[in-house]
Amino acid sequence: MDQPAALELLLATHEFPCRFLFKAIGRTDGSFAEQVVAVVRAELDHDFDSPFSLKHTAGGRHVSVTIEPWIETAEQVLAVYACIRTVPGLVMLM
């Protein structure tokens, strides 16, 4: 989906500002979960971590990071997605 279409969809389905849920799944080796939380904090220029939770797979190879920051604009949503995509070990982003 191109950026204008993504922005249009976000504006049609959300009323900003609002909490927005991001879910990133990645490998447990390294510091994947900590990096996801850190890039969201940095992108939003917060001096605190947004509410988040972790869930490990039964085999322990992957971890799901669910983070729900306060987002001011649809453009911020796309910027956060772009930052999370840079985290090493990312398998899936929702």
PDB file of N, CA and C in Angstrom:
ATOM      1  N   MET A   1       0.850  -1.168   0.000  1.00  0.00           N
ATOM      2  CA  MET A   1       0.000   0.000   0.000  1.00  0.00           C
ATOM      3  C   MET A   1       0.897   1.233   0.000  1.00  0.00           C
ATOM      4  N   ASP A   2       0.621   2.171  -0.891  1.00  0.00           N
ATOM      5  CA  ASP A   2       1.433   3.380  -0.934  1.00  0.00           C
ATOM      6  C   ASP A   2       1.052   4.311   0.217  1.00  0.00           C
ATOM      7  N   GLN A   3       1.915   5.293   0.493  1.00  0.00           N
ATOM      8  CA  GLN A   3       1.725   6.159   1.655  1.00  0.00           C
ATOM      9  C   GLN A   3       0.421   6.959   1.606  1.00  0.00           C
ATOM     10  N   PRO A   4       0.037   7.581   0.482  1.00  0.00           N
ATOM     11  CA  PRO A   4      -1.238   8.308   0.478  1.00  0.00           C
ATOM     12  C   PRO A   4      -2.440   7.408   0.786  1.00  0.00           C
ATOM     13  N   ALA A   5      -2.441   6.195   0.268  1.00  0.00           N
ATOM     14  CA  ALA A   5      -3.549   5.273   0.543  1.00  0.00           C
ATOM     15  C   ALA A   5      -3.543   4.851   2.003  1.00  0.00           C
ATOM     16  N   ALA A   6      -2.360   4.619   2.561  1.00  0.00           N
ATOM     17  CA  ALA A   6      -2.252   4.236   3.966  1.00  0.00           C
ATOM     18  C   ALA A   6      -2.744   5.369   4.866  1.00  0.00           C
ATOM     19  N   LEU A   7      -2.359   6.598   4.547  1.00  0.00           N
ATOM     20  CA  LEU A   7      -2.819   7.745   5.336  1.00  0.00           C
ATOM     21  C   LEU A   7      -4.340   7.893   5.251  1.00  0.00           C
ATOM     22  N   GLU A   8      -4.882   7.721   4.066  1.00  0.00           N
ATOM     23  CA  GLU A   8      -6.323   7.824   3.887  1.00  0.00           C
ATOM     24  C   GLU A   8      -7.055   6.770   4.718  1.00  0.00           C
ATOM     25  N   LEU A   9      -6.554   5.555   4.705  1.00  0.00           N
ATOM     26  CA  LEU A   9      -7.169   4.478   5.478  1.00  0.00           C
ATOM     27  C   LEU A   9      -7.082   4.762   6.976  1.00  0.00           C
ATOM     28  N   LEU A  10      -5.926   5.202   7.441  1.00  0.00           N
ATOM     29  CA  LEU A  10      -5.771   5.527   8.857  1.00  0.00           C
ATOM     30  C   LEU A  10      -6.740   6.627   9.283  1.00  0.00           C
ATOM     31  N   LEU A  11      -6.868   7.651   8.466  1.00  0.00           N
ATOM     32  CA  LEU A  11      -7.769   8.763   8.799  1.00  0.00           C
ATOM     33  C   LEU A  11      -9.232   8.333   8.762  1.00  0.00           C
ATOM     34  N   ALA A  12      -9.552   7.362   7.929  1.00  0.00           N
ATOM     35  CA  ALA A  12     -10.930   6.876   7.834  1.00  0.00           C
ATOM     36  C   ALA A  12     -11.305   5.960   8.994  1.00  0.00           C
ATOM     37  N   THR A  13     -10.313   5.335   9.619  1.00  0.00           N
ATOM     38  CA  THR A  13     -10.616   4.337  10.645  1.00  0.00           C
ATOM     39  C   THR A  13     -10.205   4.749  12.062  1.00  0.00           C
ATOM     40  N   HIS A  14      -9.517   5.864  12.210  1.00  0.00           N
ATOM     41  CA  HIS A  14      -9.065   6.314  13.527  1.00  0.00           C
ATOM     42  C   HIS A  14      -9.327   7.803  13.686  1.00  0.00           C
ATOM     43  N   GLU A  15      -9.538   8.197  14.922  1.00  0.00           N
ATOM     44  CA  GLU A  15      -9.683   9.613  15.243  1.00  0.00           C
ATOM     45  C   GLU A  15      -8.452  10.024  16.044  1.00  0.00           C
ATOM     46  N   PHE A  16      -7.593  10.809  15.424  1.00  0.00           N
ATOM     47  CA  PHE A  16      -6.340  11.221  16.065  1.00  0.00           C
ATOM     48  C   PHE A  16      -6.562  12.521  16.809  1.00  0.00           C
ATOM     49  N   PRO A  17      -5.872  12.686  17.945  1.00  0.00           N
ATOM     50  CA  PRO A  17      -4.907  11.791  18.574  1.00  0.00           C
ATOM     51  C   PRO A  17      -5.611  10.618  19.264  1.00  0.00           C
ATOM     52  N   CYS A  18      -4.858   9.519  19.416  1.00  0.00           N
ATOM     53  CA  CYS A  18      -5.401   8.316  20.045  1.00  0.00           C
ATOM     54  C   CYS A  18      -4.264   7.364  20.402  1.00  0.00           C
ATOM     55  N   ARG A  19      -4.608   6.344  21.166  1.00  0.00           N
ATOM     56  CA  ARG A  19      -3.670   5.244  21.386  1.00  0.00           C
ATOM     57  C   ARG A  19      -3.723   4.378  20.133  1.00  0.00           C
ATOM     58  N   PHE A  20      -2.570   3.879  19.707  1.00  0.00           N
ATOM     59  CA  PHE A  20      -2.510   3.047  18.511  1.00  0.00           C
ATOM     60  C   PHE A  20      -1.704   1.805  18.853  1.00  0.00           C
ATOM     61  N   LEU A  21      -2.222   0.649  18.501  1.00  0.00           N
ATOM     62  CA  LEU A  21      -1.583  -0.620  18.843  1.00  0.00           C
ATOM     63  C   LEU A  21      -0.672  -1.096  17.715  1.00  0.00           C
ATOM     64  N   PHE A  22       0.576  -1.369  18.074  1.00  0.00           N
ATOM     65  CA  PHE A  22       1.558  -1.955  17.161  1.00  0.00           C
ATOM     66  C   PHE A  22       1.945  -3.306  17.732  1.00  0.00           C
ATOM     67  N   LYS A  23       2.118  -4.293  16.875  1.00  0.00           N
ATOM     68  CA  LYS A  23       2.559  -5.615  17.318  1.00  0.00           C
ATOM     69  C   LYS A  23       3.722  -6.025  16.428  1.00  0.00           C
ATOM     70  N   ALA A  24       4.854  -6.292  17.071  1.00  0.00           N
ATOM     71  CA  ALA A  24       6.061  -6.718  16.363  1.00  0.00           C
ATOM     72  C   ALA A  24       6.473  -8.082  16.893  1.00  0.00           C
ATOM     73  N   ILE A  25       6.748  -8.997  15.991  1.00  0.00           N
ATOM     74  CA  ILE A  25       7.193 -10.331  16.370  1.00  0.00           C
ATOM     75  C   ILE A  25       8.614 -10.503  15.860  1.00  0.00           C
ATOM     76  N   GLY A  26       9.470 -10.981  16.741  1.00  0.00           N
ATOM     77  CA  GLY A  26      10.866 -11.152  16.360  1.00  0.00           C
ATOM     78  C   GLY A  26      11.539 -12.257  17.138  1.00  0.00           C
ATOM     79  N   ARG A  27      12.789 -12.486  16.791  1.00  0.00           N
ATOM     80  CA  ARG A  27      13.575 -13.527  17.453  1.00  0.00           C
ATOM     81  C   ARG A  27      13.962 -13.080  18.868  1.00  0.00           C
ATOM     82  N   THR A  28      14.054 -14.045  19.753  1.00  0.00           N
ATOM     83  CA  THR A  28      14.390 -13.715  21.144  1.00  0.00           C
ATOM     84  C   THR A  28      15.886 -13.530  21.360  1.00  0.00           C
ATOM     85  N   ASP A  29      16.707 -14.001  20.419  1.00  0.00           N
ATOM     86  CA  ASP A  29      18.135 -13.774  20.578  1.00  0.00           C
ATOM     87  C   ASP A  29      18.419 -12.289  20.392  1.00  0.00           C
ATOM     88  N   GLY A  30      19.344 -11.775  21.148  1.00  0.00           N
ATOM     89  CA  GLY A  30      19.606 -10.345  21.092  1.00  0.00           C
ATOM     90  C   GLY A  30      18.641  -9.583  21.986  1.00  0.00           C
ATOM     91  N   SER A  31      18.410  -8.342  21.650  1.00  0.00           N
ATOM     92  CA  SER A  31      17.576  -7.481  22.484  1.00  0.00           C
ATOM     93  C   SER A  31      16.398  -6.936  21.683  1.00  0.00           C
ATOM     94  N   PHE A  32      15.744  -7.804  20.930  1.00  0.00           N
ATOM     95  CA  PHE A  32      14.663  -7.392  20.041  1.00  0.00           C
ATOM     96  C   PHE A  32      13.589  -6.570  20.764  1.00  0.00           C
ATOM     97  N   ALA A  33      13.043  -7.099  21.840  1.00  0.00           N
ATOM     98  CA  ALA A  33      11.939  -6.420  22.538  1.00  0.00           C
ATOM     99  C   ALA A  33      12.371  -5.045  23.033  1.00  0.00           C
ATOM    100  N   GLU A  34      13.533  -4.957  23.632  1.00  0.00           N
ATOM    101  CA  GLU A  34      14.017  -3.681  24.148  1.00  0.00           C
ATOM    102  C   GLU A  34      14.214  -2.671  23.017  1.00  0.00           C
ATOM    103  N   GLN A  35      14.694  -3.156  21.867  1.00  0.00           N
ATOM    104  CA  GLN A  35      14.913  -2.259  20.744  1.00  0.00           C
ATOM    105  C   GLN A  35      13.599  -1.727  20.172  1.00  0.00           C
ATOM    106  N   VAL A  36      12.572  -2.569  20.122  1.00  0.00           N
ATOM    107  CA  VAL A  36      11.266  -2.108  19.628  1.00  0.00           C
ATOM    108  C   VAL A  36      10.750  -0.979  20.519  1.00  0.00           C
ATOM    109  N   VAL A  37      10.794  -1.196  21.816  1.00  0.00           N
ATOM    110  CA  VAL A  37      10.319  -0.167  22.755  1.00  0.00           C
ATOM    111  C   VAL A  37      11.149   1.110  22.605  1.00  0.00           C
ATOM    112  N   ALA A  38      12.446   0.966  22.437  1.00  0.00           N
ATOM    113  CA  ALA A  38      13.340   2.120  22.324  1.00  0.00           C
ATOM    114  C   ALA A  38      13.111   2.912  21.039  1.00  0.00           C
ATOM    115  N   VAL A  39      12.900   2.232  19.905  1.00  0.00           N
ATOM    116  CA  VAL A  39      12.708   2.981  18.655  1.00  0.00           C
ATOM    117  C   VAL A  39      11.368   3.720  18.655  1.00  0.00           C
ATOM    118  N   VAL A  40      10.364   3.140  19.290  1.00  0.00           N
ATOM    119  CA  VAL A  40       9.078   3.846  19.393  1.00  0.00           C
ATOM    120  C   VAL A  40       9.243   5.089  20.262  1.00  0.00           C
ATOM    121  N   ARG A  41       9.912   4.935  21.394  1.00  0.00           N
ATOM    122  CA  ARG A  41      10.163   6.073  22.278  1.00  0.00           C
ATOM    123  C   ARG A  41      10.925   7.172  21.539  1.00  0.00           C
ATOM    124  N   ALA A  42      11.961   6.786  20.810  1.00  0.00           N
ATOM    125  CA  ALA A  42      12.778   7.767  20.092  1.00  0.00           C
ATOM    126  C   ALA A  42      11.998   8.444  18.974  1.00  0.00           C
ATOM    127  N   GLU A  43      11.252   7.676  18.186  1.00  0.00           N
ATOM    128  CA  GLU A  43      10.500   8.263  17.069  1.00  0.00           C
ATOM    129  C   GLU A  43       9.464   9.267  17.560  1.00  0.00           C
ATOM    130  N   LEU A  44       8.835   8.968  18.683  1.00  0.00           N
ATOM    131  CA  LEU A  44       7.797   9.859  19.212  1.00  0.00           C
ATOM    132  C   LEU A  44       8.375  10.939  20.120  1.00  0.00           C
ATOM    133  N   ASP A  45       9.701  10.916  20.305  1.00  0.00           N
ATOM    134  CA  ASP A  45      10.407  11.900  21.127  1.00  0.00           C
ATOM    135  C   ASP A  45       9.854  11.930  22.551  1.00  0.00           C
ATOM    136  N   HIS A  46       9.589  10.742  23.091  1.00  0.00           N
ATOM    137  CA  HIS A  46       9.114  10.624  24.470  1.00  0.00           C
ATOM    138  C   HIS A  46      10.303  10.402  25.397  1.00  0.00           C
ATOM    139  N   ASP A  47      10.155  10.800  26.620  1.00  0.00           N
ATOM    140  CA  ASP A  47      11.184  10.503  27.623  1.00  0.00           C
ATOM    141  C   ASP A  47      10.720   9.367  28.532  1.00  0.00           C
ATOM    142  N   PHE A  48       9.777   8.571  28.031  1.00  0.00           N
ATOM    143  CA  PHE A  48       9.225   7.439  28.775  1.00  0.00           C
ATOM    144  C   PHE A  48       8.844   6.344  27.781  1.00  0.00           C
ATOM    145  N   ASP A  49       8.727   5.124  28.275  1.00  0.00           N
ATOM    146  CA  ASP A  49       8.292   4.011  27.437  1.00  0.00           C
ATOM    147  C   ASP A  49       6.770   3.983  27.379  1.00  0.00           C
ATOM    148  N   SER A  50       6.226   3.739  26.201  1.00  0.00           N
ATOM    149  CA  SER A  50       4.784   3.564  26.049  1.00  0.00           C
ATOM    150  C   SER A  50       4.377   2.238  26.674  1.00  0.00           C
ATOM    151  N   PRO A  51       3.114   2.097  27.065  1.00  0.00           N
ATOM    152  CA  PRO A  51       2.665   0.814  27.615  1.00  0.00           C
ATOM    153  C   PRO A  51       2.923  -0.328  26.622  1.00  0.00           C
ATOM    154  N   PHE A  52       3.491  -1.421  27.127  1.00  0.00           N
ATOM    155  CA  PHE A  52       3.777  -2.550  26.247  1.00  0.00           C
ATOM    156  C   PHE A  52       3.680  -3.851  27.030  1.00  0.00           C
ATOM    157  N   SER A  53       3.532  -4.945  26.275  1.00  0.00           N
ATOM    158  CA  SER A  53       3.542  -6.276  26.880  1.00  0.00           C
ATOM    159  C   SER A  53       4.314  -7.211  25.965  1.00  0.00           C
ATOM    160  N   LEU A  54       4.808  -8.289  26.554  1.00  0.00           N
ATOM    161  CA  LEU A  54       5.593  -9.284  25.817  1.00  0.00           C
ATOM    162  C   LEU A  54       4.923 -10.639  25.954  1.00  0.00           C
ATOM    163  N   LYS A  55       5.001 -11.429  24.899  1.00  0.00           N
ATOM    164  CA  LYS A  55       4.521 -12.803  24.955  1.00  0.00           C
ATOM    165  C   LYS A  55       5.498 -13.657  24.162  1.00  0.00           C
ATOM    166  N   HIS A  56       6.038 -14.673  24.826  1.00  0.00           N
ATOM    167  CA  HIS A  56       6.997 -15.567  24.186  1.00  0.00           C
ATOM    168  C   HIS A  56       6.276 -16.777  23.610  1.00  0.00           C
ATOM    169  N   THR A  57       6.780 -17.281  22.497  1.00  0.00           N
ATOM    170  CA  THR A  57       6.215 -18.503  21.922  1.00  0.00           C
ATOM    171  C   THR A  57       6.557 -19.687  22.808  1.00  0.00           C
ATOM    172  N   ALA A  58       5.812 -20.764  22.641  1.00  0.00           N
ATOM    173  CA  ALA A  58       6.014 -21.962  23.463  1.00  0.00           C
ATOM    174  C   ALA A  58       7.445 -22.487  23.353  1.00  0.00           C
ATOM    175  N   GLY A  59       7.997 -22.451  22.154  1.00  0.00           N
ATOM    176  CA  GLY A  59       9.361 -22.936  21.953  1.00  0.00           C
ATOM    177  C   GLY A  59      10.424 -21.948  22.387  1.00  0.00           C
ATOM    178  N   GLY A  60      10.033 -20.708  22.652  1.00  0.00           N
ATOM    179  CA  GLY A  60      10.967 -19.700  23.121  1.00  0.00           C
ATOM    180  C   GLY A  60      11.816 -19.046  22.052  1.00  0.00           C
ATOM    181  N   ARG A  61      11.551 -19.322  20.783  1.00  0.00           N
ATOM    182  CA  ARG A  61      12.377 -18.744  19.711  1.00  0.00           C
ATOM    183  C   ARG A  61      11.955 -17.335  19.324  1.00  0.00           C
ATOM    184  N   HIS A  62      10.693 -17.000  19.579  1.00  0.00           N
ATOM    185  CA  HIS A  62      10.179 -15.693  19.169  1.00  0.00           C
ATOM    186  C   HIS A  62       9.452 -15.015  20.322  1.00  0.00           C
ATOM    187  N   VAL A  63       9.379 -13.699  20.215  1.00  0.00           N
ATOM    188  CA  VAL A  63       8.656 -12.899  21.200  1.00  0.00           C
ATOM    189  C   VAL A  63       7.777 -11.907  20.456  1.00  0.00           C
ATOM    190  N   SER A  64       6.590 -11.693  20.979  1.00  0.00           N
ATOM    191  CA  SER A  64       5.668 -10.705  20.437  1.00  0.00           C
ATOM    192  C   SER A  64       5.693  -9.490  21.361  1.00  0.00           C
ATOM    193  N   VAL A  65       5.928  -8.333  20.786  1.00  0.00           N
ATOM    194  CA  VAL A  65       5.920  -7.081  21.539  1.00  0.00           C
ATOM    195  C   VAL A  65       4.679  -6.318  21.103  1.00  0.00           C
ATOM    196  N   THR A  66       3.771  -6.098  22.036  1.00  0.00           N
ATOM    197  CA  THR A  66       2.589  -5.295  21.771  1.00  0.00           C
ATOM    198  C   THR A  66       2.799  -3.978  22.498  1.00  0.00           C
ATOM    199  N   ILE A  67       2.803  -2.893  21.730  1.00  0.00           N
ATOM    200  CA  ILE A  67       3.063  -1.576  22.307  1.00  0.00           C
ATOM    201  C   ILE A  67       1.956  -0.632  21.852  1.00  0.00           C
ATOM    202  N   GLU A  68       1.500   0.206  22.775  1.00  0.00           N
ATOM    203  CA  GLU A  68       0.349   1.052  22.496  1.00  0.00           C
ATOM    204  C   GLU A  68       0.635   2.511  22.892  1.00  0.00           C
ATOM    205  N   PRO A  69       1.404   3.209  22.064  1.00  0.00           N
ATOM    206  CA  PRO A  69       1.725   4.605  22.378  1.00  0.00           C
ATOM    207  C   PRO A  69       0.577   5.555  22.025  1.00  0.00           C
ATOM    208  N   TRP A  70       0.658   6.738  22.590  1.00  0.00           N
ATOM    209  CA  TRP A  70      -0.251   7.816  22.234  1.00  0.00           C
ATOM    210  C   TRP A  70       0.279   8.433  20.939  1.00  0.00           C
ATOM    211  N   ILE A  71      -0.565   8.464  19.915  1.00  0.00           N
ATOM    212  CA  ILE A  71      -0.164   8.948  18.589  1.00  0.00           C
ATOM    213  C   ILE A  71      -0.963  10.208  18.270  1.00  0.00           C
ATOM    214  N   GLU A  72      -0.287  11.222  17.808  1.00  0.00           N
ATOM    215  CA  GLU A  72      -0.935  12.500  17.493  1.00  0.00           C
ATOM    216  C   GLU A  72      -1.520  12.544  16.080  1.00  0.00           C
ATOM    217  N   THR A  73      -0.826  11.906  15.109  1.00  0.00           N
ATOM    218  CA  THR A  73      -1.246  12.017  13.710  1.00  0.00           C
ATOM    219  C   THR A  73      -1.086  10.684  12.978  1.00  0.00           C
ATOM    220  N   ALA A  74      -1.763  10.566  11.860  1.00  0.00           N
ATOM    221  CA  ALA A  74      -1.623   9.369  11.021  1.00  0.00           C
ATOM    222  C   ALA A  74      -0.195   9.255  10.488  1.00  0.00           C
ATOM    223  N   GLU A  75       0.431  10.377  10.230  1.00  0.00           N
ATOM    224  CA  GLU A  75       1.815  10.362   9.745  1.00  0.00           C
ATOM    225  C   GLU A  75       2.749   9.748  10.784  1.00  0.00           C
ATOM    226  N   GLN A  76       2.463   9.986  12.059  1.00  0.00           N
ATOM    227  CA  GLN A  76       3.281   9.377  13.115  1.00  0.00           C
ATOM    228  C   GLN A  76       3.153   7.861  13.101  1.00  0.00           C
ATOM    229  N   VAL A  77       1.967   7.346  12.809  1.00  0.00           N
ATOM    230  CA  VAL A  77       1.780   5.901  12.725  1.00  0.00           C
ATOM    231  C   VAL A  77       2.735   5.322  11.691  1.00  0.00           C
ATOM    232  N   LEU A  78       2.762   5.922  10.510  1.00  0.00           N
ATOM    233  CA  LEU A  78       3.634   5.417   9.444  1.00  0.00           C
ATOM    234  C   LEU A  78       5.103   5.550   9.815  1.00  0.00           C
ATOM    235  N   ALA A  79       5.453   6.628  10.511  1.00  0.00           N
ATOM    236  CA  ALA A  79       6.841   6.818  10.933  1.00  0.00           C
ATOM    237  C   ALA A  79       7.252   5.751  11.954  1.00  0.00           C
ATOM    238  N   VAL A  80       6.358   5.420  12.877  1.00  0.00           N
ATOM    239  CA  VAL A  80       6.664   4.386  13.865  1.00  0.00           C
ATOM    240  C   VAL A  80       6.827   3.030  13.175  1.00  0.00           C
ATOM    241  N   TYR A  81       5.917   2.713  12.241  1.00  0.00           N
ATOM    242  CA  TYR A  81       6.059   1.462  11.488  1.00  0.00           C
ATOM    243  C   TYR A  81       7.420   1.410  10.795  1.00  0.00           C
ATOM    244  N   ALA A  82       7.827   2.507  10.177  1.00  0.00           N
ATOM    245  CA  ALA A  82       9.116   2.542   9.467  1.00  0.00           C
ATOM    246  C   ALA A  82      10.276   2.302  10.426  1.00  0.00           C
ATOM    247  N   CYS A  83      10.221   2.860  11.615  1.00  0.00           N
ATOM    248  CA  CYS A  83      11.296   2.669  12.594  1.00  0.00           C
ATOM    249  C   CYS A  83      11.345   1.237  13.104  1.00  0.00           C
ATOM    250  N   ILE A  84      10.180   0.664  13.383  1.00  0.00           N
ATOM    251  CA  ILE A  84      10.165  -0.716  13.879  1.00  0.00           C
ATOM    252  C   ILE A  84      10.726  -1.663  12.822  1.00  0.00           C
ATOM    253  N   ARG A  85      10.479  -1.370  11.542  1.00  0.00           N
ATOM    254  CA  ARG A  85      11.004  -2.234  10.466  1.00  0.00           C
ATOM    255  C   ARG A  85      12.529  -2.311  10.453  1.00  0.00           C
ATOM    256  N   THR A  86      13.202  -1.356  11.095  1.00  0.00           N
ATOM    257  CA  THR A  86      14.670  -1.343  11.101  1.00  0.00           C
ATOM    258  C   THR A  86      15.267  -2.202  12.210  1.00  0.00           C
ATOM    259  N   VAL A  87      14.446  -2.710  13.117  1.00  0.00           N
ATOM    260  CA  VAL A  87      14.952  -3.472  14.260  1.00  0.00           C
ATOM    261  C   VAL A  87      15.428  -4.847  13.794  1.00  0.00           C
ATOM    262  N   PRO A  88      16.672  -5.189  14.075  1.00  0.00           N
ATOM    263  CA  PRO A  88      17.182  -6.510  13.694  1.00  0.00           C
ATOM    264  C   PRO A  88      16.381  -7.628  14.369  1.00  0.00           C
ATOM    265  N   GLY A  89      16.129  -8.686  13.627  1.00  0.00           N
ATOM    266  CA  GLY A  89      15.406  -9.830  14.167  1.00  0.00           C
ATOM    267  C   GLY A  89      13.906  -9.781  13.940  1.00  0.00           C
ATOM    268  N   LEU A  90      13.407  -8.704  13.328  1.00  0.00           N
ATOM    269  CA  LEU A  90      11.971  -8.579  13.075  1.00  0.00           C
ATOM    270  C   LEU A  90      11.525  -9.662  12.107  1.00  0.00           C
ATOM    271  N   VAL A  91      10.435 -10.351  12.474  1.00  0.00           N
ATOM    272  CA  VAL A  91       9.857 -11.394  11.617  1.00  0.00           C
ATOM    273  C   VAL A  91       8.541 -10.909  11.011  1.00  0.00           C
ATOM    274  N   MET A  92       7.722 -10.238  11.840  1.00  0.00           N
ATOM    275  CA  MET A  92       6.414  -9.771  11.363  1.00  0.00           C
ATOM    276  C   MET A  92       6.029  -8.505  12.117  1.00  0.00           C
ATOM    277  N   LEU A  93       5.354  -7.592  11.416  1.00  0.00           N
ATOM    278  CA  LEU A  93       4.898  -6.347  12.004  1.00  0.00           C
ATOM    279  C   LEU A  93       3.443  -6.140  11.660  1.00  0.00           C
ATOM    280  N   MET A  94       2.629  -5.920  12.674  1.00  0.00           N
ATOM    281  CA  MET A  94       1.197  -5.696  12.467  1.00  0.00           C
ATOM    282  C   MET A  94       0.775  -4.403  13.129  1.00  0.00           C
TER     283      MET A  94
END
